Amino acid sequence: MDDLNAALALSESAQWNQNANDWSMMLRLGQGWGIDATDDAGRVQLAASVVVLPYGEHFAWASMVLVLPQFRRRGYAQLLLRHALSNLAAQGRAAVLDATPAGHAVYVHEGFADTWGFARYRREAGSMLLERPVAPHTRPLREDDWLALDALDRNAFGASRLPLLRVLARRLPQAARVVEQGGRLRGYVLGRDGREARQIGPLLAEDTDLARALLHDALLPLSGEAVYADLLDQHLALLPWLQQLGFAFQRPFTRMVHGTDATPGNPATLVLAAGPELG
């Protein structure tokens, strides 16, 4: 519990959206490292962190590279990141991460390369939902959908992340929806709770109409709540509609890779990312 509270203090200091459920989930599904340091008052506390989430055999997600403000410029982030990369290299895994503008130069220095980008948009509490698109129909996620959902997601993302997706479905079940046509799953959406807002994502869909319907129906039970959505740049055709829903630009992210030439998978159907800490 002490480590969890200290980890929460790290993400809160950066004004990130992670809550205790996020930290518990990441540390259960992956591995984290931290550095303890003594502050000016002589108190020892968690000063910096990094987390990696393994996805399949060939790559892992690196995230939560955080340092408390009073301990910055001591090289802690670089030390932890290099430790994580060394650990992944020993496993034969590449590293993938989503960089903020503030962290981008650090990751370039450590050998990460840019691939593609996305941006975070936020809908404030109290925003009204537009009238639902006439089609297509979506329905709640069922237990017998997981095999097809995993196959759809694995092709897009590059590895199975089924344990993560199952946790997300439990954390915000009212947003867990799929669209099925011709007896085939063609898209899905999940979400989760957060420290200051809900997060909708990941969302995968084979076309814009499917994506719009899934997002609308995931947002419907969250009427009046603040929500984040991380929209991939390749799906900016959805942006005017998102803006009509009340979503406003927050900040950009760059997906970067280390130890490989490109991001795994085929991101053509990836519409909303799960979040920079998850992929």
C-alpha atoms as a PDB file:
ATOM      1  CA  MET A   1       0.000   0.000   0.000  1.00  0.00           C
ATOM      2  CA  ASP A   2       2.887   2.394   0.751  1.00  0.00           C
ATOM      3  CA  ASP A   3       4.356   1.809  -2.715  1.00  0.00           C
ATOM      4  CA  LEU A   4       0.928   2.286  -4.305  1.00  0.00           C
ATOM      5  CA  ASN A   5       0.377   5.602  -2.529  1.00  0.00           C
ATOM      6  CA  ALA A   6       3.867   6.732  -3.501  1.00  0.00           C
ATOM      7  CA  ALA A   7       3.257   5.757  -7.124  1.00  0.00           C
ATOM      8  CA  LEU A   8       0.004   7.718  -7.102  1.00  0.00           C
ATOM      9  CA  ALA A   9       1.884  10.742  -5.796  1.00  0.00           C
ATOM     10  CA  LEU A  10       4.232  10.470  -8.784  1.00  0.00           C
ATOM     11  CA  SER A  11       1.463  10.489 -11.389  1.00  0.00           C
ATOM     12  CA  GLU A  12      -0.475  13.181  -9.528  1.00  0.00           C
ATOM     13  CA  SER A  13       2.614  15.401  -9.512  1.00  0.00           C
ATOM     14  CA  ALA A  14       2.594  15.227 -13.324  1.00  0.00           C
ATOM     15  CA  GLN A  15      -1.197  15.825 -13.377  1.00  0.00           C
ATOM     16  CA  TRP A  16      -1.734  12.502 -15.127  1.00  0.00           C
ATOM     17  CA  ASN A  17      -5.014  10.611 -14.942  1.00  0.00           C
ATOM     18  CA  GLN A  18      -3.880   7.308 -13.386  1.00  0.00           C
ATOM     19  CA  ASN A  19      -5.637   6.138 -10.242  1.00  0.00           C
ATOM     20  CA  ALA A  20      -4.956   3.301  -7.817  1.00  0.00           C
ATOM     21  CA  ASN A  21      -6.694   0.819 -10.140  1.00  0.00           C
ATOM     22  CA  ASP A  22      -4.316   1.761 -12.959  1.00  0.00           C
ATOM     23  CA  TRP A  23      -1.179   1.351 -10.888  1.00  0.00           C
ATOM     24  CA  SER A  24      -2.379  -1.942  -9.407  1.00  0.00           C
ATOM     25  CA  MET A  25      -3.265  -3.250 -12.872  1.00  0.00           C
ATOM     26  CA  MET A  26       0.063  -2.251 -14.435  1.00  0.00           C
ATOM     27  CA  LEU A  27       2.147  -3.699 -11.630  1.00  0.00           C
ATOM     28  CA  ARG A  28       0.131  -6.923 -11.689  1.00  0.00           C
ATOM     29  CA  LEU A  29       0.412  -7.353 -15.469  1.00  0.00           C
ATOM     30  CA  GLY A  30       3.965  -6.045 -15.795  1.00  0.00           C
ATOM     31  CA  GLN A  31       6.918  -4.910 -13.732  1.00  0.00           C
ATOM     32  CA  GLY A  32       7.983  -1.601 -12.263  1.00  0.00           C
ATOM     33  CA  TRP A  33      11.171  -0.140 -10.855  1.00  0.00           C
ATOM     34  CA  GLY A  34      11.690   2.913  -8.705  1.00  0.00           C
ATOM     35  CA  ILE A  35      14.326   5.026  -7.015  1.00  0.00           C
ATOM     36  CA  ASP A  36      14.009   6.109  -3.401  1.00  0.00           C
ATOM     37  CA  ALA A  37      15.629   9.403  -2.428  1.00  0.00           C
ATOM     38  CA  THR A  38      15.833  11.653   0.606  1.00  0.00           C
ATOM     39  CA  ASP A  39      14.191  15.060   0.405  1.00  0.00           C
ATOM     40  CA  ASP A  40      15.330  18.286   2.095  1.00  0.00           C
ATOM     41  CA  ALA A  41      13.402  17.367   5.241  1.00  0.00           C
ATOM     42  CA  GLY A  42      15.213  14.041   5.554  1.00  0.00           C
ATOM     43  CA  ARG A  43      12.277  11.928   4.438  1.00  0.00           C
ATOM     44  CA  VAL A  44      12.894   8.941   2.172  1.00  0.00           C
ATOM     45  CA  GLN A  45      10.304   8.611  -0.576  1.00  0.00           C
ATOM     46  CA  LEU A  46       9.737   7.169  -4.024  1.00  0.00           C
ATOM     47  CA  ALA A  47      11.322   9.778  -6.280  1.00  0.00           C
ATOM     48  CA  ALA A  48      11.078   8.172  -9.736  1.00  0.00           C
ATOM     49  CA  SER A  49       9.449   5.265 -11.555  1.00  0.00           C
ATOM     50  CA  VAL A  50       9.272   3.258 -14.764  1.00  0.00           C
ATOM     51  CA  VAL A  51       6.885   0.425 -15.703  1.00  0.00           C
ATOM     52  CA  VAL A  52       7.042  -2.165 -18.493  1.00  0.00           C
ATOM     53  CA  LEU A  53       4.126  -4.278 -19.714  1.00  0.00           C
ATOM     54  CA  PRO A  54       5.107  -7.342 -21.796  1.00  0.00           C
ATOM     55  CA  TYR A  55       2.891  -7.989 -24.814  1.00  0.00           C
ATOM     56  CA  GLY A  56       3.574 -11.316 -26.474  1.00  0.00           C
ATOM     57  CA  GLU A  57       7.136 -12.555 -26.919  1.00  0.00           C
ATOM     58  CA  HIS A  58       8.665  -9.756 -28.960  1.00  0.00           C
ATOM     59  CA  PHE A  59       7.954  -6.390 -27.353  1.00  0.00           C
ATOM     60  CA  ALA A  60       6.881  -4.616 -24.192  1.00  0.00           C
ATOM     61  CA  TRP A  61       5.321  -1.279 -23.364  1.00  0.00           C
ATOM     62  CA  ALA A  62       7.443   1.212 -21.443  1.00  0.00           C
ATOM     63  CA  SER A  63       5.570   3.846 -19.476  1.00  0.00           C
ATOM     64  CA  MET A  64       5.199   5.790 -16.245  1.00  0.00           C
ATOM     65  CA  VAL A  65       8.645   7.370 -16.579  1.00  0.00           C
ATOM     66  CA  LEU A  66       8.062   9.869 -13.783  1.00  0.00           C
ATOM     67  CA  VAL A  67      10.152  11.924 -11.385  1.00  0.00           C
ATOM     68  CA  LEU A  68       8.862  14.058  -8.518  1.00  0.00           C
ATOM     69  CA  PRO A  69       9.525  17.747  -9.226  1.00  0.00           C
ATOM     70  CA  GLN A  70      11.954  18.174  -6.329  1.00  0.00           C
ATOM     71  CA  PHE A  71      14.125  15.287  -7.600  1.00  0.00           C
ATOM     72  CA  ARG A  72      14.363  16.209 -11.262  1.00  0.00           C
ATOM     73  CA  ARG A  73      17.627  16.851 -13.132  1.00  0.00           C
ATOM     74  CA  ARG A  74      19.447  14.143 -11.201  1.00  0.00           C
ATOM     75  CA  GLY A  75      19.378  11.566 -14.010  1.00  0.00           C
ATOM     76  CA  TYR A  76      16.831   9.324 -12.313  1.00  0.00           C
ATOM     77  CA  ALA A  77      14.560   8.973 -15.368  1.00  0.00           C
ATOM     78  CA  GLN A  78      17.500   8.113 -17.612  1.00  0.00           C
ATOM     79  CA  LEU A  79      18.822   5.577 -15.104  1.00  0.00           C
ATOM     80  CA  LEU A  80      15.480   3.803 -14.766  1.00  0.00           C
ATOM     81  CA  LEU A  81      14.773   3.849 -18.490  1.00  0.00           C
ATOM     82  CA  ARG A  82      18.165   2.354 -19.282  1.00  0.00           C
ATOM     83  CA  HIS A  83      17.613  -0.331 -16.651  1.00  0.00           C
ATOM     84  CA  ALA A  84      14.245  -1.206 -18.193  1.00  0.00           C
ATOM     85  CA  LEU A  85      15.702  -1.304 -21.718  1.00  0.00           C
ATOM     86  CA  SER A  86      18.549  -3.523 -20.582  1.00  0.00           C
ATOM     87  CA  ASN A  87      16.082  -5.880 -18.935  1.00  0.00           C
ATOM     88  CA  LEU A  88      13.975  -6.046 -22.104  1.00  0.00           C
ATOM     89  CA  ALA A  89      17.027  -6.576 -24.331  1.00  0.00           C
ATOM     90  CA  ALA A  90      18.018  -9.547 -22.193  1.00  0.00           C
ATOM     91  CA  GLN A  91      14.574 -11.013 -22.896  1.00  0.00           C
ATOM     92  CA  GLY A  92      14.882 -10.334 -26.629  1.00  0.00           C
ATOM     93  CA  ARG A  93      12.088  -7.774 -26.538  1.00  0.00           C
ATOM     94  CA  ALA A  94      11.817  -4.428 -28.281  1.00  0.00           C
ATOM     95  CA  ALA A  95      10.371  -1.454 -26.411  1.00  0.00           C
ATOM     96  CA  VAL A  96       7.461   0.732 -27.485  1.00  0.00           C
ATOM     97  CA  LEU A  97       6.200   3.874 -25.775  1.00  0.00           C
ATOM     98  CA  ASP A  98       4.088   6.974 -26.291  1.00  0.00           C
ATOM     99  CA  ALA A  99       6.089  10.145 -25.688  1.00  0.00           C
ATOM    100  CA  THR A 100       4.807  13.507 -24.563  1.00  0.00           C
ATOM    101  CA  PRO A 101       6.479  16.564 -26.109  1.00  0.00           C
ATOM    102  CA  ALA A 102       8.349  17.078 -22.824  1.00  0.00           C
ATOM    103  CA  GLY A 103       9.808  13.568 -22.867  1.00  0.00           C
ATOM    104  CA  HIS A 104      10.422  13.185 -26.580  1.00  0.00           C
ATOM    105  CA  ALA A 105      14.017  14.476 -26.610  1.00  0.00           C
ATOM    106  CA  VAL A 106      14.942  12.161 -23.726  1.00  0.00           C
ATOM    107  CA  TYR A 107      13.715   9.122 -25.637  1.00  0.00           C
ATOM    108  CA  VAL A 108      15.455  10.171 -28.862  1.00  0.00           C
ATOM    109  CA  HIS A 109      18.694  10.442 -26.875  1.00  0.00           C
ATOM    110  CA  GLU A 110      18.187   6.880 -25.633  1.00  0.00           C
ATOM    111  CA  GLY A 111      17.769   5.524 -29.166  1.00  0.00           C
ATOM    112  CA  PHE A 112      14.001   5.569 -29.636  1.00  0.00           C
ATOM    113  CA  ALA A 113      12.651   6.387 -33.105  1.00  0.00           C
ATOM    114  CA  ASP A 114       9.368   8.053 -34.092  1.00  0.00           C
ATOM    115  CA  THR A 115       6.639   6.108 -35.875  1.00  0.00           C
ATOM    116  CA  TRP A 116       3.196   7.739 -35.818  1.00  0.00           C
ATOM    117  CA  GLY A 117       1.225  10.010 -33.541  1.00  0.00           C
ATOM    118  CA  PHE A 118      -2.049  10.651 -31.790  1.00  0.00           C
ATOM    119  CA  ALA A 119      -3.542  13.349 -29.622  1.00  0.00           C
ATOM    120  CA  ARG A 120      -5.524  13.452 -26.409  1.00  0.00           C
ATOM    121  CA  TYR A 121      -8.921  15.135 -26.382  1.00  0.00           C
ATOM    122  CA  ARG A 122     -11.055  15.846 -23.328  1.00  0.00           C
ATOM    123  CA  ARG A 123     -14.777  16.279 -22.917  1.00  0.00           C
ATOM    124  CA  GLU A 124     -15.654  18.225 -19.806  1.00  0.00           C
ATOM    125  CA  ALA A 125     -18.328  17.101 -17.379  1.00  0.00           C
ATOM    126  CA  GLY A 126     -21.762  18.299 -18.341  1.00  0.00           C
ATOM    127  CA  SER A 127     -21.291  18.031 -22.124  1.00  0.00           C
ATOM    128  CA  MET A 128     -24.307  16.836 -24.068  1.00  0.00           C
ATOM    129  CA  LEU A 129     -24.265  13.825 -26.385  1.00  0.00           C
ATOM    130  CA  LEU A 130     -25.347  14.195 -30.015  1.00  0.00           C
ATOM    131  CA  GLU A 131     -28.178  12.161 -31.464  1.00  0.00           C
ATOM    132  CA  ARG A 132     -27.043   8.606 -32.142  1.00  0.00           C
ATOM    133  CA  PRO A 133     -25.999   7.676 -35.686  1.00  0.00           C
ATOM    134  CA  VAL A 134     -28.757   5.602 -37.307  1.00  0.00           C
ATOM    135  CA  ALA A 135     -26.427   2.673 -37.980  1.00  0.00           C
ATOM    136  CA  PRO A 136     -24.683   0.391 -37.315  1.00  0.00           C
ATOM    137  CA  HIS A 137     -25.998  -1.350 -34.212  1.00  0.00           C
ATOM    138  CA  THR A 138     -23.642  -2.110 -31.310  1.00  0.00           C
ATOM    139  CA  ARG A 139     -24.222  -4.404 -28.363  1.00  0.00           C
ATOM    140  CA  PRO A 140     -22.664  -5.101 -24.965  1.00  0.00           C
ATOM    141  CA  LEU A 141     -19.548  -7.270 -24.895  1.00  0.00           C
ATOM    142  CA  ARG A 142     -20.272 -10.913 -24.044  1.00  0.00           C
ATOM    143  CA  GLU A 143     -18.046 -13.631 -22.674  1.00  0.00           C
ATOM    144  CA  ASP A 144     -18.223 -15.549 -25.943  1.00  0.00           C
ATOM    145  CA  ASP A 145     -16.806 -12.515 -27.826  1.00  0.00           C
ATOM    146  CA  TRP A 146     -13.329 -12.748 -26.326  1.00  0.00           C
ATOM    147  CA  LEU A 147     -11.825 -15.177 -28.840  1.00  0.00           C
ATOM    148  CA  ALA A 148     -12.819 -13.024 -31.827  1.00  0.00           C
ATOM    149  CA  LEU A 149     -11.993  -9.786 -30.007  1.00  0.00           C
ATOM    150  CA  ASP A 150      -8.502 -11.035 -29.154  1.00  0.00           C
ATOM    151  CA  ALA A 151      -7.877 -12.015 -32.778  1.00  0.00           C
ATOM    152  CA  LEU A 152      -9.046  -8.613 -34.028  1.00  0.00           C
ATOM    153  CA  ASP A 153      -6.939  -6.762 -31.485  1.00  0.00           C
ATOM    154  CA  ARG A 154      -3.846  -8.952 -31.943  1.00  0.00           C
ATOM    155  CA  ASN A 155      -3.767  -8.262 -35.668  1.00  0.00           C
ATOM    156  CA  ALA A 156      -3.947  -4.494 -35.105  1.00  0.00           C
ATOM    157  CA  PHE A 157      -1.763  -4.195 -32.027  1.00  0.00           C
ATOM    158  CA  GLY A 158       0.855  -6.813 -32.895  1.00  0.00           C
ATOM    159  CA  ALA A 159       0.435  -9.142 -29.906  1.00  0.00           C
ATOM    160  CA  SER A 160      -2.266 -10.450 -27.636  1.00  0.00           C
ATOM    161  CA  ARG A 161      -3.068  -8.185 -24.700  1.00  0.00           C
ATOM    162  CA  LEU A 162      -6.072 -10.201 -23.597  1.00  0.00           C
ATOM    163  CA  PRO A 163      -5.316 -10.018 -19.832  1.00  0.00           C
ATOM    164  CA  LEU A 164      -5.300  -6.213 -20.044  1.00  0.00           C
ATOM    165  CA  LEU A 165      -8.472  -6.050 -22.133  1.00  0.00           C
ATOM    166  CA  ARG A 166     -10.330  -8.308 -19.712  1.00  0.00           C
ATOM    167  CA  VAL A 167      -9.395  -6.040 -16.820  1.00  0.00           C
ATOM    168  CA  LEU A 168     -10.577  -2.967 -18.712  1.00  0.00           C
ATOM    169  CA  ALA A 169     -13.907  -4.625 -19.483  1.00  0.00           C
ATOM    170  CA  ARG A 170     -14.430  -5.197 -15.760  1.00  0.00           C
ATOM    171  CA  ARG A 171     -13.405  -1.671 -14.800  1.00  0.00           C
ATOM    172  CA  LEU A 172     -15.963   0.098 -17.008  1.00  0.00           C
ATOM    173  CA  PRO A 173     -18.436  -2.570 -18.150  1.00  0.00           C
ATOM    174  CA  GLN A 174     -21.034  -0.037 -19.308  1.00  0.00           C
ATOM    175  CA  ALA A 175     -18.608   1.135 -22.014  1.00  0.00           C
ATOM    176  CA  ALA A 176     -17.580  -2.352 -23.208  1.00  0.00           C
ATOM    177  CA  ARG A 177     -19.319  -2.800 -26.560  1.00  0.00           C
ATOM    178  CA  VAL A 178     -18.803  -4.575 -29.865  1.00  0.00           C
ATOM    179  CA  VAL A 179     -20.206  -4.356 -33.359  1.00  0.00           C
ATOM    180  CA  GLU A 180     -20.900  -7.564 -35.254  1.00  0.00           C
ATOM    181  CA  GLN A 181     -21.922  -7.807 -38.886  1.00  0.00           C
ATOM    182  CA  GLY A 182     -22.357 -10.873 -41.041  1.00  0.00           C
ATOM    183  CA  GLY A 183     -21.509 -13.102 -38.095  1.00  0.00           C
ATOM    184  CA  ARG A 184     -18.106 -11.435 -37.724  1.00  0.00           C
ATOM    185  CA  LEU A 185     -16.783  -9.037 -35.092  1.00  0.00           C
ATOM    186  CA  ARG A 186     -15.812  -5.804 -36.840  1.00  0.00           C
ATOM    187  CA  GLY A 187     -14.971  -3.553 -33.918  1.00  0.00           C
ATOM    188  CA  TYR A 188     -14.965  -3.072 -30.178  1.00  0.00           C
ATOM    189  CA  VAL A 189     -14.519  -0.391 -27.537  1.00  0.00           C
ATOM    190  CA  LEU A 190     -13.485  -0.519 -23.867  1.00  0.00           C
ATOM    191  CA  GLY A 191     -12.831   2.089 -21.189  1.00  0.00           C
ATOM    192  CA  ARG A 192     -11.745   2.617 -17.613  1.00  0.00           C
ATOM    193  CA  ASP A 193     -12.088   4.851 -14.615  1.00  0.00           C
ATOM    194  CA  GLY A 194      -9.429   7.487 -13.915  1.00  0.00           C
ATOM    195  CA  ARG A 195      -8.274   9.892 -11.245  1.00  0.00           C
ATOM    196  CA  GLU A 196      -9.979  12.902 -12.819  1.00  0.00           C
ATOM    197  CA  ALA A 197     -11.854  11.568 -15.876  1.00  0.00           C
ATOM    198  CA  ARG A 198     -12.959   8.383 -17.580  1.00  0.00           C
ATOM    199  CA  GLN A 199     -10.828   7.121 -20.474  1.00  0.00           C
ATOM    200  CA  ILE A 200     -12.471   5.615 -23.550  1.00  0.00           C
ATOM    201  CA  GLY A 201     -10.123   3.304 -25.439  1.00  0.00           C
ATOM    202  CA  PRO A 202      -8.944   1.157 -26.964  1.00  0.00           C
ATOM    203  CA  LEU A 203     -11.384   1.421 -29.842  1.00  0.00           C
ATOM    204  CA  LEU A 204     -10.848  -0.674 -32.971  1.00  0.00           C
ATOM    205  CA  ALA A 205     -13.136  -0.426 -35.980  1.00  0.00           C
ATOM    206  CA  GLU A 206     -12.944  -1.352 -39.633  1.00  0.00           C
ATOM    207  CA  ASP A 207     -14.479   1.934 -40.829  1.00  0.00           C
ATOM    208  CA  THR A 208     -15.476   5.388 -39.616  1.00  0.00           C
ATOM    209  CA  ASP A 209     -19.188   4.617 -39.255  1.00  0.00           C
ATOM    210  CA  LEU A 210     -18.416   1.673 -36.973  1.00  0.00           C
ATOM    211  CA  ALA A 211     -16.032   3.799 -34.911  1.00  0.00           C
ATOM    212  CA  ARG A 212     -18.594   6.580 -34.511  1.00  0.00           C
ATOM    213  CA  ALA A 213     -21.322   4.186 -33.412  1.00  0.00           C
ATOM    214  CA  LEU A 214     -19.062   2.412 -30.907  1.00  0.00           C
ATOM    215  CA  LEU A 215     -17.855   5.666 -29.387  1.00  0.00           C
ATOM    216  CA  HIS A 216     -21.348   7.127 -29.166  1.00  0.00           C
ATOM    217  CA  ASP A 217     -22.713   4.050 -27.394  1.00  0.00           C
ATOM    218  CA  ALA A 218     -19.718   3.868 -25.029  1.00  0.00           C
ATOM    219  CA  LEU A 219     -20.233   7.521 -24.084  1.00  0.00           C
ATOM    220  CA  LEU A 220     -23.991   7.198 -23.595  1.00  0.00           C
ATOM    221  CA  PRO A 221     -23.848   5.749 -20.038  1.00  0.00           C
ATOM    222  CA  LEU A 222     -21.169   8.336 -19.149  1.00  0.00           C
ATOM    223  CA  SER A 223     -23.429  11.290 -19.897  1.00  0.00           C
ATOM    224  CA  GLY A 224     -22.319  14.337 -17.937  1.00  0.00           C
ATOM    225  CA  GLU A 225     -18.910  12.888 -16.940  1.00  0.00           C
ATOM    226  CA  ALA A 226     -15.479  14.134 -17.977  1.00  0.00           C
ATOM    227  CA  VAL A 227     -13.898  11.809 -20.558  1.00  0.00           C
ATOM    228  CA  TYR A 228     -10.525  11.458 -22.304  1.00  0.00           C
ATOM    229  CA  ALA A 229     -10.117   9.985 -25.798  1.00  0.00           C
ATOM    230  CA  ASP A 230      -6.749   9.459 -27.526  1.00  0.00           C
ATOM    231  CA  LEU A 231      -7.437   9.735 -31.268  1.00  0.00           C
ATOM    232  CA  LEU A 232      -4.847   8.446 -33.761  1.00  0.00           C
ATOM    233  CA  ASP A 233      -3.771  11.014 -36.343  1.00  0.00           C
ATOM    234  CA  GLN A 234      -4.728   8.644 -39.151  1.00  0.00           C
ATOM    235  CA  HIS A 235      -8.372   8.933 -38.075  1.00  0.00           C
ATOM    236  CA  LEU A 236      -8.675  12.717 -38.002  1.00  0.00           C
ATOM    237  CA  ALA A 237     -11.803  12.399 -40.139  1.00  0.00           C
ATOM    238  CA  LEU A 238     -13.550  11.734 -36.800  1.00  0.00           C
ATOM    239  CA  LEU A 239     -12.250  14.930 -35.203  1.00  0.00           C
ATOM    240  CA  PRO A 240     -15.048  17.323 -36.304  1.00  0.00           C
ATOM    241  CA  TRP A 241     -17.606  14.924 -34.856  1.00  0.00           C
ATOM    242  CA  LEU A 242     -15.590  14.585 -31.637  1.00  0.00           C
ATOM    243  CA  GLN A 243     -15.486  18.369 -31.365  1.00  0.00           C
ATOM    244  CA  GLN A 244     -19.258  18.510 -31.761  1.00  0.00           C
ATOM    245  CA  LEU A 245     -19.444  16.124 -28.797  1.00  0.00           C
ATOM    246  CA  GLY A 246     -17.464  18.662 -26.760  1.00  0.00           C
ATOM    247  CA  PHE A 247     -13.992  17.114 -26.994  1.00  0.00           C
ATOM    248  CA  ALA A 248     -11.147  19.641 -27.039  1.00  0.00           C
ATOM    249  CA  PHE A 249      -7.468  19.130 -27.812  1.00  0.00           C
ATOM    250  CA  GLN A 250      -5.180  18.532 -24.803  1.00  0.00           C
ATOM    251  CA  ARG A 251      -1.736  17.447 -26.049  1.00  0.00           C
ATOM    252  CA  PRO A 252      -0.030  15.314 -28.710  1.00  0.00           C
ATOM    253  CA  PHE A 253       1.850  12.038 -28.292  1.00  0.00           C
ATOM    254  CA  THR A 254       4.402  10.283 -30.497  1.00  0.00           C
ATOM    255  CA  ARG A 255       4.569   6.493 -30.627  1.00  0.00           C
ATOM    256  CA  MET A 256       8.249   5.528 -30.519  1.00  0.00           C
ATOM    257  CA  VAL A 257      10.155   2.249 -30.806  1.00  0.00           C
ATOM    258  CA  HIS A 258      13.488   0.935 -29.558  1.00  0.00           C
ATOM    259  CA  GLY A 259      15.090  -2.247 -30.889  1.00  0.00           C
ATOM    260  CA  THR A 260      12.795  -2.487 -33.907  1.00  0.00           C
ATOM    261  CA  ASP A 261      12.157  -0.476 -37.067  1.00  0.00           C
ATOM    262  CA  ALA A 262       8.398  -0.019 -36.766  1.00  0.00           C
ATOM    263  CA  THR A 263       5.525  -0.438 -34.376  1.00  0.00           C
ATOM    264  CA  PRO A 264       4.229  -4.009 -34.226  1.00  0.00           C
ATOM    265  CA  GLY A 265       0.947  -4.920 -35.852  1.00  0.00           C
ATOM    266  CA  ASN A 266      -1.195  -3.111 -38.398  1.00  0.00           C
ATOM    267  CA  PRO A 267      -2.653   0.050 -36.850  1.00  0.00           C
ATOM    268  CA  ALA A 268      -5.108   0.746 -39.702  1.00  0.00           C
ATOM    269  CA  THR A 269      -8.100  -0.204 -37.536  1.00  0.00           C
ATOM    270  CA  LEU A 270      -6.796   1.387 -34.314  1.00  0.00           C
ATOM    271  CA  VAL A 271      -8.951   4.466 -33.739  1.00  0.00           C
ATOM    272  CA  LEU A 272      -8.494   5.279 -30.041  1.00  0.00           C
ATOM    273  CA  ALA A 273      -5.431   4.186 -28.086  1.00  0.00           C
ATOM    274  CA  ALA A 274      -5.857   2.610 -24.669  1.00  0.00           C
ATOM    275  CA  GLY A 275      -3.723   5.431 -23.243  1.00  0.00           C
ATOM    276  CA  PRO A 276      -0.018   6.242 -23.337  1.00  0.00           C
ATOM    277  CA  GLU A 277       0.644   4.057 -20.313  1.00  0.00           C
ATOM    278  CA  LEU A 278      -0.998   0.984 -21.912  1.00  0.00           C
ATOM    279  CA  GLY A 279      -0.652   1.219 -25.682  1.00  0.00           C
END
